[in-house]
PDB file of N, CA and C in Angstrom:
ATOM      1  N   MET A   1     -10.441   3.342  -1.656  1.00  0.00           N
ATOM      2  CA  MET A   1      -9.355   2.532  -1.180  1.00  0.00           C
ATOM      3  C   MET A   1      -8.268   2.579  -2.333  1.00  0.00           C
ATOM      4  N   GLN A   2      -7.056   2.751  -1.858  1.00  0.00           N
ATOM      5  CA  GLN A   2      -5.935   2.769  -2.855  1.00  0.00           C
ATOM      6  C   GLN A   2      -4.901   1.834  -2.514  1.00  0.00           C
ATOM      7  N   TYR A   3      -4.554   0.979  -3.446  1.00  0.00           N
ATOM      8  CA  TYR A   3      -3.429   0.040  -3.356  1.00  0.00           C
ATOM      9  C   TYR A   3      -2.121   0.787  -3.623  1.00  0.00           C
ATOM     10  N   ILE A   4      -1.138   0.476  -2.758  1.00  0.00           N
ATOM     11  CA  ILE A   4       0.157   1.230  -2.876  1.00  0.00           C
ATOM     12  C   ILE A   4       1.210   0.222  -3.422  1.00  0.00           C
ATOM     13  N   HIS A   5       1.988   0.533  -4.373  1.00  0.00           N
ATOM     14  CA  HIS A   5       2.848  -0.282  -5.051  1.00  0.00           C
ATOM     15  C   HIS A   5       4.346   0.119  -4.873  1.00  0.00           C
ATOM     16  N   SER A   6       4.602   1.263  -4.187  1.00  0.00           N
ATOM     17  CA  SER A   6       6.031   1.639  -3.916  1.00  0.00           C
ATOM     18  C   SER A   6       6.046   2.553  -2.747  1.00  0.00           C
ATOM     19  N   LYS A   7       7.230   2.737  -2.157  1.00  0.00           N
ATOM     20  CA  LYS A   7       7.455   3.602  -1.079  1.00  0.00           C
ATOM     21  C   LYS A   7       7.124   5.002  -1.487  1.00  0.00           C
ATOM     22  N   GLU A   8       7.492   5.396  -2.611  1.00  0.00           N
ATOM     23  CA  GLU A   8       7.286   6.790  -3.180  1.00  0.00           C
ATOM     24  C   GLU A   8       5.732   7.078  -3.313  1.00  0.00           C
ATOM     25  N   GLU A   9       5.041   6.077  -3.789  1.00  0.00           N
ATOM     26  CA  GLU A   9       3.575   6.196  -4.001  1.00  0.00           C
ATOM     27  C   GLU A   9       2.953   6.360  -2.576  1.00  0.00           C
ATOM     28  N   PHE A  10       3.458   5.616  -1.586  1.00  0.00           N
ATOM     29  CA  PHE A  10       2.911   5.763  -0.295  1.00  0.00           C
ATOM     30  C   PHE A  10       3.151   7.094   0.340  1.00  0.00           C
ATOM     31  N   GLU A  11       4.353   7.607   0.170  1.00  0.00           N
ATOM     32  CA  GLU A  11       4.690   8.905   0.687  1.00  0.00           C
ATOM     33  C   GLU A  11       3.852   9.993   0.141  1.00  0.00           C
ATOM     34  N   GLN A  12       3.592   9.883  -1.320  1.00  0.00           N
ATOM     35  CA  GLN A  12       2.760  10.845  -1.980  1.00  0.00           C
ATOM     36  C   GLN A  12       1.310  10.797  -1.483  1.00  0.00           C
ATOM     37  N   ALA A  13       0.849   9.596  -1.263  1.00  0.00           N
ATOM     38  CA  ALA A  13      -0.562   9.382  -0.846  1.00  0.00           C
ATOM     39  C   ALA A  13      -0.716  10.000   0.588  1.00  0.00           C
ATOM     40  N   LEU A  14       0.305   9.879   1.458  1.00  0.00           N
ATOM     41  CA  LEU A  14       0.216  10.461   2.794  1.00  0.00           C
ATOM     42  C   LEU A  14       0.169  12.025   2.744  1.00  0.00           C
ATOM     43  N   LYS A  15       0.944  12.551   1.813  1.00  0.00           N
ATOM     44  CA  LYS A  15       1.101  13.977   1.646  1.00  0.00           C
ATOM     45  C   LYS A  15      -0.223  14.539   1.061  1.00  0.00           C
ATOM     46  N   ASP A  16      -0.858  13.743   0.176  1.00  0.00           N
ATOM     47  CA  ASP A  16      -2.034  14.262  -0.536  1.00  0.00           C
ATOM     48  C   ASP A  16      -3.327  14.119   0.244  1.00  0.00           C
ATOM     49  N   ALA A  17      -3.348  13.210   1.231  1.00  0.00           N
ATOM     50  CA  ALA A  17      -4.560  12.931   2.033  1.00  0.00           C
ATOM     51  C   ALA A  17      -4.730  13.964   3.099  1.00  0.00           C
ATOM     52  N   ASN A  18      -5.979  14.267   3.440  1.00  0.00           N
ATOM     53  CA  ASN A  18      -6.244  15.168   4.545  1.00  0.00           C
ATOM     54  C   ASN A  18      -7.214  14.343   5.433  1.00  0.00           C
ATOM     55  N   GLY A  19      -7.126  14.732   6.720  1.00  0.00           N
ATOM     56  CA  GLY A  19      -7.994  14.017   7.792  1.00  0.00           C
ATOM     57  C   GLY A  19      -7.384  12.752   8.235  1.00  0.00           C
ATOM     58  N   ILE A  20      -8.257  11.695   8.196  1.00  0.00           N
ATOM     59  CA  ILE A  20      -7.801  10.406   8.827  1.00  0.00           C
ATOM     60  C   ILE A  20      -7.338   9.506   7.694  1.00  0.00           C
ATOM     61  N   ILE A  21      -6.239   8.824   7.852  1.00  0.00           N
ATOM     62  CA  ILE A  21      -5.722   7.874   6.945  1.00  0.00           C
ATOM     63  C   ILE A  21      -5.490   6.527   7.704  1.00  0.00           C
ATOM     64  N   LEU A  22      -6.031   5.513   7.119  1.00  0.00           N
ATOM     65  CA  LEU A  22      -5.794   4.068   7.552  1.00  0.00           C
ATOM     66  C   LEU A  22      -4.900   3.432   6.559  1.00  0.00           C
ATOM     67  N   ALA A  23      -3.747   2.905   7.021  1.00  0.00           N
ATOM     68  CA  ALA A  23      -2.832   2.157   6.140  1.00  0.00           C
ATOM     69  C   ALA A  23      -2.845   0.691   6.569  1.00  0.00           C
ATOM     70  N   ASP A  24      -3.337  -0.153   5.741  1.00  0.00           N
ATOM     71  CA  ASP A  24      -3.390  -1.550   6.044  1.00  0.00           C
ATOM     72  C   ASP A  24      -2.146  -2.293   5.405  1.00  0.00           C
ATOM     73  N   PHE A  25      -1.251  -2.721   6.230  1.00  0.00           N
ATOM     74  CA  PHE A  25      -0.114  -3.547   5.813  1.00  0.00           C
ATOM     75  C   PHE A  25      -0.617  -4.985   5.853  1.00  0.00           C
ATOM     76  N   PHE A  26      -0.642  -5.598   4.716  1.00  0.00           N
ATOM     77  CA  PHE A  26      -1.189  -6.946   4.570  1.00  0.00           C
ATOM     78  C   PHE A  26      -0.411  -7.835   3.664  1.00  0.00           C
ATOM     79  N   ALA A  27      -0.752  -9.150   3.455  1.00  0.00           N
ATOM     80  CA  ALA A  27      -0.282  -9.971   2.486  1.00  0.00           C
ATOM     81  C   ALA A  27      -1.433 -10.840   1.892  1.00  0.00           C
ATOM     82  N   THR A  28      -1.280 -11.173   0.648  1.00  0.00           N
ATOM     83  CA  THR A  28      -2.330 -11.949   0.022  1.00  0.00           C
ATOM     84  C   THR A  28      -2.587 -13.303   0.578  1.00  0.00           C
ATOM     85  N   TRP A  29      -1.516 -13.866   1.190  1.00  0.00           N
ATOM     86  CA  TRP A  29      -1.625 -15.226   1.767  1.00  0.00           C
ATOM     87  C   TRP A  29      -2.084 -15.223   3.179  1.00  0.00           C
ATOM     88  N   CYS A  30      -2.287 -14.063   3.767  1.00  0.00           N
ATOM     89  CA  CYS A  30      -2.618 -13.937   5.198  1.00  0.00           C
ATOM     90  C   CYS A  30      -4.056 -14.078   5.448  1.00  0.00           C
ATOM     91  N   TRP A  31      -4.542 -15.113   6.226  1.00  0.00           N
ATOM     92  CA  TRP A  31      -5.887 -15.263   6.454  1.00  0.00           C
ATOM     93  C   TRP A  31      -6.471 -14.152   7.275  1.00  0.00           C
ATOM     94  N   PRO A  32      -6.055 -13.681   8.382  1.00  0.00           N
ATOM     95  CA  PRO A  32      -6.601 -12.528   9.078  1.00  0.00           C
ATOM     96  C   PRO A  32      -6.709 -11.343   8.192  1.00  0.00           C
ATOM     97  N   CYS A  33      -5.661 -11.129   7.339  1.00  0.00           N
ATOM     98  CA  CYS A  33      -5.765  -9.990   6.338  1.00  0.00           C
ATOM     99  C   CYS A  33      -6.947 -10.091   5.407  1.00  0.00           C
ATOM    100  N   LYS A  34      -7.282 -11.295   5.045  1.00  0.00           N
ATOM    101  CA  LYS A  34      -8.446 -11.506   4.190  1.00  0.00           C
ATOM    102  C   LYS A  34      -9.738 -11.307   5.014  1.00  0.00           C
ATOM    103  N   MET A  35      -9.725 -11.523   6.246  1.00  0.00           N
ATOM    104  CA  MET A  35     -10.906 -11.385   7.072  1.00  0.00           C
ATOM    105  C   MET A  35     -11.222  -9.913   7.281  1.00  0.00           C
ATOM    106  N   ILE A  36     -10.245  -9.011   7.362  1.00  0.00           N
ATOM    107  CA  ILE A  36     -10.521  -7.574   7.618  1.00  0.00           C
ATOM    108  C   ILE A  36     -10.727  -6.820   6.299  1.00  0.00           C
ATOM    109  N   ALA A  37     -10.318  -7.411   5.148  1.00  0.00           N
ATOM    110  CA  ALA A  37     -10.344  -6.678   3.921  1.00  0.00           C
ATOM    111  C   ALA A  37     -11.760  -6.174   3.539  1.00  0.00           C
ATOM    112  N   PRO A  38     -12.845  -7.042   3.757  1.00  0.00           N
ATOM    113  CA  PRO A  38     -14.153  -6.432   3.400  1.00  0.00           C
ATOM    114  C   PRO A  38     -14.583  -5.360   4.395  1.00  0.00           C
ATOM    115  N   ILE A  39     -14.091  -5.473   5.702  1.00  0.00           N
ATOM    116  CA  ILE A  39     -14.364  -4.386   6.679  1.00  0.00           C
ATOM    117  C   ILE A  39     -13.767  -3.086   6.251  1.00  0.00           C
ATOM    118  N   LEU A  40     -12.491  -3.185   5.774  1.00  0.00           N
ATOM    119  CA  LEU A  40     -11.833  -1.906   5.332  1.00  0.00           C
ATOM    120  C   LEU A  40     -12.468  -1.348   4.090  1.00  0.00           C
ATOM    121  N   GLU A  41     -12.958  -2.245   3.211  1.00  0.00           N
ATOM    122  CA  GLU A  41     -13.756  -1.754   1.989  1.00  0.00           C
ATOM    123  C   GLU A  41     -15.029  -1.052   2.433  1.00  0.00           C
ATOM    124  N   GLU A  42     -15.670  -1.604   3.357  1.00  0.00           N
ATOM    125  CA  GLU A  42     -16.853  -0.999   3.954  1.00  0.00           C
ATOM    126  C   GLU A  42     -16.659   0.419   4.457  1.00  0.00           C
ATOM    127  N   ILE A  43     -15.628   0.455   5.253  1.00  0.00           N
ATOM    128  CA  ILE A  43     -15.254   1.711   5.891  1.00  0.00           C
ATOM    129  C   ILE A  43     -14.915   2.779   4.766  1.00  0.00           C
ATOM    130  N   SER A  44     -14.148   2.293   3.779  1.00  0.00           N
ATOM    131  CA  SER A  44     -13.806   3.197   2.691  1.00  0.00           C
ATOM    132  C   SER A  44     -15.021   3.780   2.032  1.00  0.00           C
ATOM    133  N   ARG A  45     -15.997   2.823   1.690  1.00  0.00           N
ATOM    134  CA  ARG A  45     -17.268   3.277   1.070  1.00  0.00           C
ATOM    135  C   ARG A  45     -18.106   4.148   1.979  1.00  0.00           C
ATOM    136  N   GLU A  46     -18.267   3.806   3.220  1.00  0.00           N
ATOM    137  CA  GLU A  46     -19.121   4.512   4.135  1.00  0.00           C
ATOM    138  C   GLU A  46     -18.592   5.833   4.631  1.00  0.00           C
ATOM    139  N   HIS A  47     -17.297   5.943   4.593  1.00  0.00           N
ATOM    140  CA  HIS A  47     -16.611   7.182   5.033  1.00  0.00           C
ATOM    141  C   HIS A  47     -15.677   7.683   3.939  1.00  0.00           C
ATOM    142  N   PRO A  48     -16.189   8.304   2.920  1.00  0.00           N
ATOM    143  CA  PRO A  48     -15.345   8.758   1.824  1.00  0.00           C
ATOM    144  C   PRO A  48     -14.263   9.839   2.177  1.00  0.00           C
ATOM    145  N   GLU A  49     -14.514  10.436   3.374  1.00  0.00           N
ATOM    146  CA  GLU A  49     -13.551  11.407   3.954  1.00  0.00           C
ATOM    147  C   GLU A  49     -12.340  10.782   4.458  1.00  0.00           C
ATOM    148  N   ILE A  50     -12.271   9.460   4.639  1.00  0.00           N
ATOM    149  CA  ILE A  50     -11.131   8.713   5.184  1.00  0.00           C
ATOM    150  C   ILE A  50     -10.357   8.055   4.041  1.00  0.00           C
ATOM    151  N   THR A  51      -9.149   8.135   4.077  1.00  0.00           N
ATOM    152  CA  THR A  51      -8.193   7.607   3.104  1.00  0.00           C
ATOM    153  C   THR A  51      -7.841   6.255   3.588  1.00  0.00           C
ATOM    154  N   VAL A  52      -8.061   5.232   2.779  1.00  0.00           N
ATOM    155  CA  VAL A  52      -7.684   3.841   3.200  1.00  0.00           C
ATOM    156  C   VAL A  52      -6.587   3.451   2.177  1.00  0.00           C
ATOM    157  N   LEU A  53      -5.389   3.103   2.629  1.00  0.00           N
ATOM    158  CA  LEU A  53      -4.344   2.578   1.804  1.00  0.00           C
ATOM    159  C   LEU A  53      -4.131   1.175   2.113  1.00  0.00           C
ATOM    160  N   LYS A  54      -3.800   0.356   1.043  1.00  0.00           N
ATOM    161  CA  LYS A  54      -3.465  -1.020   1.206  1.00  0.00           C
ATOM    162  C   LYS A  54      -2.064  -1.255   0.727  1.00  0.00           C
ATOM    163  N   ILE A  55      -1.210  -1.858   1.644  1.00  0.00           N
ATOM    164  CA  ILE A  55       0.187  -2.052   1.255  1.00  0.00           C
ATOM    165  C   ILE A  55       0.478  -3.527   1.383  1.00  0.00           C
ATOM    166  N   ASP A  56       0.772  -4.142   0.330  1.00  0.00           N
ATOM    167  CA  ASP A  56       1.228  -5.632   0.403  1.00  0.00           C
ATOM    168  C   ASP A  56       2.664  -5.647   0.793  1.00  0.00           C
ATOM    169  N   VAL A  57       2.974  -6.295   1.996  1.00  0.00           N
ATOM    170  CA  VAL A  57       4.263  -6.330   2.541  1.00  0.00           C
ATOM    171  C   VAL A  57       5.157  -7.132   1.755  1.00  0.00           C
ATOM    172  N   ASP A  58       4.754  -8.066   0.943  1.00  0.00           N
ATOM    173  CA  ASP A  58       5.526  -8.805  -0.021  1.00  0.00           C
ATOM    174  C   ASP A  58       5.955  -8.003  -1.253  1.00  0.00           C
ATOM    175  N   GLU A  59       5.113  -7.084  -1.640  1.00  0.00           N
ATOM    176  CA  GLU A  59       5.376  -6.256  -2.760  1.00  0.00           C
ATOM    177  C   GLU A  59       6.219  -5.013  -2.443  1.00  0.00           C
ATOM    178  N   VAL A  60       5.961  -4.396  -1.341  1.00  0.00           N
ATOM    179  CA  VAL A  60       6.669  -3.179  -0.976  1.00  0.00           C
ATOM    180  C   VAL A  60       7.385  -3.446   0.364  1.00  0.00           C
ATOM    181  N   GLN A  61       8.474  -4.315   0.159  1.00  0.00           N
ATOM    182  CA  GLN A  61       9.167  -4.746   1.391  1.00  0.00           C
ATOM    183  C   GLN A  61       9.912  -3.620   2.121  1.00  0.00           C
ATOM    184  N   ASP A  62      10.438  -2.661   1.342  1.00  0.00           N
ATOM    185  CA  ASP A  62      11.185  -1.584   2.068  1.00  0.00           C
ATOM    186  C   ASP A  62      10.342  -0.793   2.890  1.00  0.00           C
ATOM    187  N   LEU A  63       9.128  -0.579   2.544  1.00  0.00           N
ATOM    188  CA  LEU A  63       8.190   0.159   3.363  1.00  0.00           C
ATOM    189  C   LEU A  63       7.753  -0.649   4.576  1.00  0.00           C
ATOM    190  N   ALA A  64       7.575  -1.937   4.466  1.00  0.00           N
ATOM    191  CA  ALA A  64       7.195  -2.803   5.588  1.00  0.00           C
ATOM    192  C   ALA A  64       8.421  -2.817   6.555  1.00  0.00           C
ATOM    193  N   GLN A  65       9.618  -2.734   6.096  1.00  0.00           N
ATOM    194  CA  GLN A  65      10.806  -2.732   7.011  1.00  0.00           C
ATOM    195  C   GLN A  65      10.869  -1.403   7.639  1.00  0.00           C
ATOM    196  N   GLU A  66      10.665  -0.352   6.958  1.00  0.00           N
ATOM    197  CA  GLU A  66      10.745   1.031   7.507  1.00  0.00           C
ATOM    198  C   GLU A  66       9.742   1.108   8.646  1.00  0.00           C
ATOM    199  N   TYR A  67       8.537   0.565   8.572  1.00  0.00           N
ATOM    200  CA  TYR A  67       7.507   0.606   9.615  1.00  0.00           C
ATOM    201  C   TYR A  67       7.512  -0.561  10.532  1.00  0.00           C
ATOM    202  N   GLU A  68       8.618  -1.303  10.421  1.00  0.00           N
ATOM    203  CA  GLU A  68       8.909  -2.448  11.292  1.00  0.00           C
ATOM    204  C   GLU A  68       7.718  -3.355  11.454  1.00  0.00           C
ATOM    205  N   ILE A  69       7.136  -3.785  10.326  1.00  0.00           N
ATOM    206  CA  ILE A  69       6.051  -4.641  10.319  1.00  0.00           C
ATOM    207  C   ILE A  69       6.517  -6.076  10.501  1.00  0.00           C
ATOM    208  N   SER A  70       6.193  -6.671  11.689  1.00  0.00           N
ATOM    209  CA  SER A  70       6.596  -7.993  12.031  1.00  0.00           C
ATOM    210  C   SER A  70       5.486  -8.909  12.027  1.00  0.00           C
ATOM    211  N   SER A  71       4.226  -8.452  12.191  1.00  0.00           N
ATOM    212  CA  SER A  71       3.015  -9.307  12.110  1.00  0.00           C
ATOM    213  C   SER A  71       1.963  -8.510  11.324  1.00  0.00           C
ATOM    214  N   ILE A  72       1.170  -9.430  10.649  1.00  0.00           N
ATOM    215  CA  ILE A  72       0.117  -8.749   9.740  1.00  0.00           C
ATOM    216  C   ILE A  72      -1.227  -9.357  10.125  1.00  0.00           C
ATOM    217  N   PRO A  73      -2.254  -8.711   9.903  1.00  0.00           N
ATOM    218  CA  PRO A  73      -2.337  -7.322   9.453  1.00  0.00           C
ATOM    219  C   PRO A  73      -1.946  -6.379  10.507  1.00  0.00           C
ATOM    220  N   THR A  74      -1.417  -5.294  10.013  1.00  0.00           N
ATOM    221  CA  THR A  74      -1.085  -4.083  10.936  1.00  0.00           C
ATOM    222  C   THR A  74      -1.674  -2.935  10.280  1.00  0.00           C
ATOM    223  N   ILE A  75      -2.518  -2.168  11.054  1.00  0.00           N
ATOM    224  CA  ILE A  75      -3.122  -0.989  10.569  1.00  0.00           C
ATOM    225  C   ILE A  75      -2.440   0.208  11.268  1.00  0.00           C
ATOM    226  N   TYR A  76      -1.994   1.103  10.499  1.00  0.00           N
ATOM    227  CA  TYR A  76      -1.441   2.421  11.031  1.00  0.00           C
ATOM    228  C   TYR A  76      -2.543   3.521  10.810  1.00  0.00           C
ATOM    229  N   ILE A  77      -2.713   4.447  11.716  1.00  0.00           N
ATOM    230  CA  ILE A  77      -3.638   5.475  11.569  1.00  0.00           C
ATOM    231  C   ILE A  77      -3.083   6.815  11.810  1.00  0.00           C
ATOM    232  N   TRP A  78      -3.279   7.722  10.866  1.00  0.00           N
ATOM    233  CA  TRP A  78      -2.845   9.089  10.908  1.00  0.00           C
ATOM    234  C   TRP A  78      -4.047  10.054  10.929  1.00  0.00           C
ATOM    235  N   LYS A  79      -3.912  11.102  11.640  1.00  0.00           N
ATOM    236  CA  LYS A  79      -4.936  12.205  11.534  1.00  0.00           C
ATOM    237  C   LYS A  79      -4.157  13.484  11.286  1.00  0.00           C
ATOM    238  N   ASN A  80      -4.539  14.178  10.234  1.00  0.00           N
ATOM    239  CA  ASN A  80      -3.888  15.453   9.928  1.00  0.00           C
ATOM    240  C   ASN A  80      -2.353  15.189   9.718  1.00  0.00           C
ATOM    241  N   HIS A  81      -1.911  14.229   9.219  1.00  0.00           N
ATOM    242  CA  HIS A  81      -0.563  13.957   8.944  1.00  0.00           C
ATOM    243  C   HIS A  81       0.269  13.578  10.209  1.00  0.00           C
ATOM    244  N   GLU A  82      -0.399  13.280  11.222  1.00  0.00           N
ATOM    245  CA  GLU A  82       0.276  12.838  12.522  1.00  0.00           C
ATOM    246  C   GLU A  82      -0.052  11.367  12.766  1.00  0.00           C
ATOM    247  N   LEU A  83       0.864  10.538  12.974  1.00  0.00           N
ATOM    248  CA  LEU A  83       0.576   9.195  13.316  1.00  0.00           C
ATOM    249  C   LEU A  83      -0.025   9.135  14.746  1.00  0.00           C
ATOM    250  N   THR A  84      -1.191   8.502  14.814  1.00  0.00           N
ATOM    251  CA  THR A  84      -1.884   8.525  16.077  1.00  0.00           C
ATOM    252  C   THR A  84      -1.782   7.184  16.817  1.00  0.00           C
ATOM    253  N   ASP A  85      -1.768   6.077  16.032  1.00  0.00           N
ATOM    254  CA  ASP A  85      -1.749   4.796  16.576  1.00  0.00           C
ATOM    255  C   ASP A  85      -1.615   3.645  15.576  1.00  0.00           C
ATOM    256  N   TRP A  86      -1.411   2.461  15.969  1.00  0.00           N
ATOM    257  CA  TRP A  86      -1.313   1.311  15.107  1.00  0.00           C
ATOM    258  C   TRP A  86      -1.804   0.121  15.850  1.00  0.00           C
ATOM    259  N   TYR A  87      -2.404  -0.816  15.182  1.00  0.00           N
ATOM    260  CA  TYR A  87      -2.952  -2.053  15.736  1.00  0.00           C
ATOM    261  C   TYR A  87      -2.560  -3.245  14.877  1.00  0.00           C
ATOM    262  N   VAL A  88      -2.239  -4.293  15.609  1.00  0.00           N
ATOM    263  CA  VAL A  88      -1.710  -5.518  15.009  1.00  0.00           C
ATOM    264  C   VAL A  88      -2.840  -6.569  15.191  1.00  0.00           C
ATOM    265  N   GLY A  89      -3.299  -7.214  14.118  1.00  0.00           N
ATOM    266  CA  GLY A  89      -4.245  -8.234  14.308  1.00  0.00           C
ATOM    267  C   GLY A  89      -5.617  -7.855  13.516  1.00  0.00           C
ATOM    268  N   ALA A  90      -6.473  -8.769  13.543  1.00  0.00           N
ATOM    269  CA  ALA A  90      -7.837  -8.555  12.912  1.00  0.00           C
ATOM    270  C   ALA A  90      -8.806  -8.321  13.909  1.00  0.00           C
ATOM    271  N   TYR A  91      -9.618  -7.197  13.758  1.00  0.00           N
ATOM    272  CA  TYR A  91     -10.507  -6.794  14.748  1.00  0.00           C
ATOM    273  C   TYR A  91     -11.960  -6.575  13.974  1.00  0.00           C
ATOM    274  N   PRO A  92     -12.995  -6.643  14.690  1.00  0.00           N
ATOM    275  CA  PRO A  92     -14.335  -6.399  14.071  1.00  0.00           C
ATOM    276  C   PRO A  92     -14.527  -4.919  13.623  1.00  0.00           C
ATOM    277  N   LYS A  93     -15.425  -4.749  12.719  1.00  0.00           N
ATOM    278  CA  LYS A  93     -15.680  -3.477  12.111  1.00  0.00           C
ATOM    279  C   LYS A  93     -15.862  -2.362  13.233  1.00  0.00           C
ATOM    280  N   ASP A  94     -16.660  -2.692  14.255  1.00  0.00           N
ATOM    281  CA  ASP A  94     -16.918  -1.646  15.239  1.00  0.00           C
ATOM    282  C   ASP A  94     -15.676  -1.220  16.062  1.00  0.00           C
ATOM    283  N   PHE A  95     -14.654  -2.025  16.110  1.00  0.00           N
ATOM    284  CA  PHE A  95     -13.356  -1.641  16.703  1.00  0.00           C
ATOM    285  C   PHE A  95     -12.773  -0.484  15.787  1.00  0.00           C
ATOM    286  N   TYR A  96     -12.724  -0.625  14.555  1.00  0.00           N
ATOM    287  CA  TYR A  96     -12.149   0.413  13.649  1.00  0.00           C
ATOM    288  C   TYR A  96     -13.090   1.662  13.695  1.00  0.00           C
ATOM    289  N   GLU A  97     -14.382   1.442  13.713  1.00  0.00           N
ATOM    290  CA  GLU A  97     -15.327   2.554  13.772  1.00  0.00           C
ATOM    291  C   GLU A  97     -15.124   3.347  14.996  1.00  0.00           C
ATOM    292  N   GLN A  98     -14.940   2.709  16.168  1.00  0.00           N
ATOM    293  CA  GLN A  98     -14.675   3.425  17.398  1.00  0.00           C
ATOM    294  C   GLN A  98     -13.368   4.285  17.328  1.00  0.00           C
ATOM    295  N   LYS A  99     -12.346   3.696  16.737  1.00  0.00           N
ATOM    296  CA  LYS A  99     -11.066   4.411  16.686  1.00  0.00           C
ATOM    297  C   LYS A  99     -11.226   5.677  15.757  1.00  0.00           C
ATOM    298  N   ILE A 100     -12.009   5.517  14.650  1.00  0.00           N
ATOM    299  CA  ILE A 100     -12.279   6.628  13.719  1.00  0.00           C
ATOM    300  C   ILE A 100     -13.047   7.690  14.424  1.00  0.00           C
ATOM    301  N   GLN A 101     -14.147   7.249  15.196  1.00  0.00           N
ATOM    302  CA  GLN A 101     -14.957   8.176  15.896  1.00  0.00           C
ATOM    303  C   GLN A 101     -14.141   8.953  16.908  1.00  0.00           C
ATOM    304  N   SER A 102     -13.218   8.284  17.593  1.00  0.00           N
ATOM    305  CA  SER A 102     -12.441   8.949  18.659  1.00  0.00           C
ATOM    306  C   SER A 102     -11.493  10.056  18.065  1.00  0.00           C
ATOM    307  N   LEU A 103     -11.216   9.954  16.788  1.00  0.00           N
ATOM    308  CA  LEU A 103     -10.325  10.951  16.076  1.00  0.00           C
ATOM    309  C   LEU A 103     -11.164  12.075  15.384  1.00  0.00           C
ATOM    310  N   SER A 104     -12.454  11.852  15.317  1.00  0.00           N
ATOM    311  CA  SER A 104     -13.317  12.868  14.600  1.00  0.00           C
ATOM    312  C   SER A 104     -13.580  14.033  15.451  1.00  0.00           C
TER     313      SER A 104
END
């Protein structure tokens, strides 16, 4: 799991990653964000082939604006550098696992 601290760092991480990328737009004060954080950590550990990026919307506001983040948590998913989908809200681990499996 990689914490992103700037728009440039995010763009580089997207370029460097291969396969599936999950980008979690979150805030430290957001309760639903805190609920899914351990789920994303598990996914990152169990699926080392998946790149998990964490973007604090308060810290990297320009990126949050660019991706039109109006509610958090918001998860964006790319496969092979193509945006495939995004989800707003907190979901159980099996929801994310199913999304990952559908892209594999």
